[in-house]
Amino acid sequence: MPPLSFRTRENTVYEYELHQLTVAELIRRAEEQRTVRRAVLARRAARRAGRHDTEGRVGKNRSWFVRAA
């Protein structure tokens, strides 16, 4: 196998660095998506837990009379 020329080595290093940057960006995006998903699930769980709360909102529309108990 013939030795690599300087130009080929330079391109290979450049391509490797681009690949590393792409991998790092994909890992960052995946972590961000996991964090968002966890936040959505936590909010949903908090809302569901609050439905059975005895001291919650009486009604959504304040113009209507809603019996509290």
N, C-alpha and C. Protein backbone atom coordinates (compact mmCIF):
# COMPACT_ATOMS: atom_id res chain seq x y z
N MET A 1 0.85 -1.17 0.00
CA MET A 1 0.00 0.00 0.00
C MET A 1 0.90 1.24 0.00
N PRO A 2 0.67 2.16 -0.92
CA PRO A 2 1.53 3.35 -0.98
C PRO A 2 1.26 4.27 0.20
N PRO A 3 2.30 4.99 0.66
CA PRO A 3 2.10 5.91 1.78
C PRO A 3 1.15 7.05 1.40
N LEU A 4 0.44 7.54 2.38
CA LEU A 4 -0.50 8.63 2.14
C LEU A 4 0.26 9.93 1.92
N SER A 5 -0.21 10.71 1.00
CA SER A 5 0.41 12.01 0.80
C SER A 5 -0.04 12.95 1.92
N PHE A 6 0.64 14.07 2.04
CA PHE A 6 0.30 15.04 3.08
C PHE A 6 -1.13 15.54 2.89
N ARG A 7 -1.51 15.79 1.65
CA ARG A 7 -2.85 16.29 1.36
C ARG A 7 -3.92 15.27 1.77
N THR A 8 -3.69 14.02 1.51
CA THR A 8 -4.65 12.98 1.87
C THR A 8 -4.76 12.86 3.38
N ARG A 9 -3.64 12.89 4.07
CA ARG A 9 -3.67 12.84 5.54
C ARG A 9 -4.42 14.04 6.10
N GLU A 10 -4.19 15.20 5.52
CA GLU A 10 -4.84 16.41 5.99
C GLU A 10 -6.36 16.29 5.81
N ASN A 11 -6.78 15.79 4.67
CA ASN A 11 -8.21 15.59 4.42
C ASN A 11 -8.80 14.55 5.37
N THR A 12 -8.03 13.50 5.62
CA THR A 12 -8.51 12.46 6.52
C THR A 12 -8.70 13.01 7.93
N VAL A 13 -7.77 13.79 8.42
CA VAL A 13 -7.88 14.39 9.74
C VAL A 13 -9.07 15.35 9.78
N TYR A 14 -9.22 16.14 8.73
CA TYR A 14 -10.33 17.08 8.66
C TYR A 14 -11.67 16.34 8.68
N GLU A 15 -11.78 15.27 7.90
CA GLU A 15 -13.01 14.49 7.87
C GLU A 15 -13.28 13.85 9.23
N TYR A 16 -12.23 13.38 9.89
CA TYR A 16 -12.39 12.78 11.22
C TYR A 16 -12.88 13.83 12.21
N GLU A 17 -12.32 15.03 12.17
CA GLU A 17 -12.75 16.10 13.07
C GLU A 17 -14.20 16.49 12.79
N LEU A 18 -14.58 16.55 11.51
CA LEU A 18 -15.98 16.84 11.17
C LEU A 18 -16.90 15.75 11.72
N HIS A 19 -16.45 14.51 11.60
CA HIS A 19 -17.24 13.39 12.12
C HIS A 19 -17.39 13.51 13.64
N GLN A 20 -16.33 13.84 14.33
CA GLN A 20 -16.38 13.99 15.78
C GLN A 20 -17.34 15.12 16.18
N LEU A 21 -17.30 16.22 15.44
CA LEU A 21 -18.22 17.33 15.72
C LEU A 21 -19.67 16.91 15.50
N THR A 22 -19.91 16.15 14.44
CA THR A 22 -21.26 15.67 14.15
C THR A 22 -21.75 14.73 15.25
N VAL A 23 -20.89 13.84 15.67
CA VAL A 23 -21.24 12.90 16.74
C VAL A 23 -21.56 13.67 18.03
N ALA A 24 -20.73 14.64 18.36
CA ALA A 24 -20.96 15.43 19.57
C ALA A 24 -22.28 16.18 19.49
N GLU A 25 -22.59 16.73 18.33
CA GLU A 25 -23.86 17.45 18.15
C GLU A 25 -25.05 16.51 18.27
N LEU A 26 -24.96 15.33 17.70
CA LEU A 26 -26.05 14.36 17.81
C LEU A 26 -26.26 13.91 19.26
N ILE A 27 -25.17 13.72 19.98
CA ILE A 27 -25.28 13.35 21.39
C ILE A 27 -25.92 14.48 22.19
N ARG A 28 -25.55 15.71 21.90
CA ARG A 28 -26.13 16.86 22.60
C ARG A 28 -27.63 16.97 22.32
N ARG A 29 -28.01 16.79 21.05
CA ARG A 29 -29.44 16.86 20.69
C ARG A 29 -30.24 15.74 21.37
N ALA A 30 -29.68 14.55 21.40
CA ALA A 30 -30.37 13.43 22.03
C ALA A 30 -30.57 13.69 23.52
N GLU A 31 -29.57 14.23 24.18
CA GLU A 31 -29.69 14.55 25.60
C GLU A 31 -30.73 15.63 25.83
N GLU A 32 -30.75 16.63 24.95
CA GLU A 32 -31.75 17.69 25.06
C GLU A 32 -33.16 17.13 24.89
N GLN A 33 -33.34 16.24 23.93
CA GLN A 33 -34.65 15.63 23.72
C GLN A 33 -35.07 14.78 24.91
N ARG A 34 -34.12 14.06 25.51
CA ARG A 34 -34.43 13.26 26.70
C ARG A 34 -34.84 14.16 27.85
N THR A 35 -34.14 15.29 28.00
CA THR A 35 -34.47 16.23 29.08
C THR A 35 -35.87 16.81 28.88
N VAL A 36 -36.19 17.19 27.66
CA VAL A 36 -37.53 17.74 27.37
C VAL A 36 -38.59 16.68 27.63
N ARG A 37 -38.33 15.47 27.20
CA ARG A 37 -39.31 14.39 27.40
C ARG A 37 -39.54 14.15 28.89
N ARG A 38 -38.46 14.15 29.68
CA ARG A 38 -38.60 13.97 31.13
C ARG A 38 -39.44 15.09 31.75
N ALA A 39 -39.21 16.32 31.29
CA ALA A 39 -39.98 17.46 31.81
C ALA A 39 -41.45 17.33 31.46
N VAL A 40 -41.75 16.91 30.24
CA VAL A 40 -43.15 16.73 29.83
C VAL A 40 -43.81 15.65 30.68
N LEU A 41 -43.13 14.55 30.88
CA LEU A 41 -43.69 13.47 31.68
C LEU A 41 -43.88 13.89 33.14
N ALA A 42 -42.95 14.68 33.67
CA ALA A 42 -43.08 15.15 35.05
C ALA A 42 -44.26 16.10 35.18
N ARG A 43 -44.44 17.00 34.21
CA ARG A 43 -45.60 17.90 34.24
C ARG A 43 -46.90 17.12 34.17
N ARG A 44 -46.92 16.15 33.28
CA ARG A 44 -48.13 15.34 33.12
C ARG A 44 -48.45 14.59 34.41
N ALA A 45 -47.44 14.03 35.04
CA ALA A 45 -47.65 13.31 36.30
C ALA A 45 -48.12 14.26 37.40
N ALA A 46 -47.58 15.47 37.42
CA ALA A 46 -48.01 16.45 38.44
C ALA A 46 -49.47 16.85 38.21
N ARG A 47 -49.85 17.03 36.95
CA ARG A 47 -51.24 17.36 36.66
C ARG A 47 -52.17 16.24 37.08
N ARG A 48 -51.78 15.01 36.77
CA ARG A 48 -52.62 13.87 37.13
C ARG A 48 -52.74 13.72 38.64
N ALA A 49 -51.65 13.97 39.35
CA ALA A 49 -51.68 13.86 40.80
C ALA A 49 -52.54 14.97 41.40
N GLY A 50 -52.56 16.13 40.75
CA GLY A 50 -53.33 17.27 41.25
C GLY A 50 -54.81 17.14 41.01
N ARG A 51 -55.24 16.24 40.15
CA ARG A 51 -56.68 16.08 39.88
C ARG A 51 -57.44 15.61 41.10
N HIS A 52 -56.79 14.83 41.93
CA HIS A 52 -57.46 14.27 43.10
C HIS A 52 -57.15 15.07 44.36
N ASP A 53 -56.59 16.24 44.16
CA ASP A 53 -56.26 17.10 45.29
C ASP A 53 -57.54 17.71 45.85
N THR A 54 -57.67 17.72 47.16
CA THR A 54 -58.90 18.25 47.78
C THR A 54 -58.95 19.77 47.75
N GLU A 55 -57.80 20.43 47.65
CA GLU A 55 -57.79 21.89 47.63
C GLU A 55 -57.23 22.38 46.30
N GLY A 56 -57.98 22.17 45.25
CA GLY A 56 -57.57 22.62 43.94
C GLY A 56 -58.45 23.75 43.46
N ARG A 57 -58.43 24.01 42.20
CA ARG A 57 -59.29 25.02 41.59
C ARG A 57 -60.74 24.59 41.68
N VAL A 58 -61.61 25.53 41.93
CA VAL A 58 -63.02 25.22 42.01
C VAL A 58 -63.60 25.09 40.60
N GLY A 59 -63.30 26.02 39.74
CA GLY A 59 -63.81 25.97 38.38
C GLY A 59 -62.87 26.69 37.44
N LYS A 60 -62.94 26.37 36.15
CA LYS A 60 -62.06 27.01 35.18
C LYS A 60 -62.58 28.38 34.78
N ASN A 61 -63.89 28.50 34.65
CA ASN A 61 -64.48 29.76 34.22
C ASN A 61 -65.05 30.47 35.45
N ARG A 62 -64.50 31.61 35.79
CA ARG A 62 -64.91 32.31 37.01
C ARG A 62 -66.31 32.93 36.90
N SER A 63 -66.84 33.04 35.70
CA SER A 63 -68.16 33.64 35.56
C SER A 63 -69.27 32.64 35.93
N TRP A 64 -68.94 31.39 36.01
CA TRP A 64 -69.92 30.39 36.38
C TRP A 64 -69.83 30.12 37.87
N PHE A 65 -70.96 29.83 38.48
CA PHE A 65 -70.93 29.44 39.89
C PHE A 65 -70.74 27.93 39.94
N VAL A 66 -69.69 27.53 40.64
CA VAL A 66 -69.40 26.13 40.78
C VAL A 66 -69.32 25.82 42.26
N ARG A 67 -70.03 24.80 42.67
CA ARG A 67 -70.03 24.42 44.07
C ARG A 67 -68.70 23.77 44.44
N ALA A 68 -68.09 24.22 45.52
CA ALA A 68 -66.76 23.76 45.89
C ALA A 68 -66.80 22.39 46.55
N ALA A 69 -67.83 22.10 47.33
CA ALA A 69 -67.82 20.83 48.04
C ALA A 69 -69.05 20.00 47.75
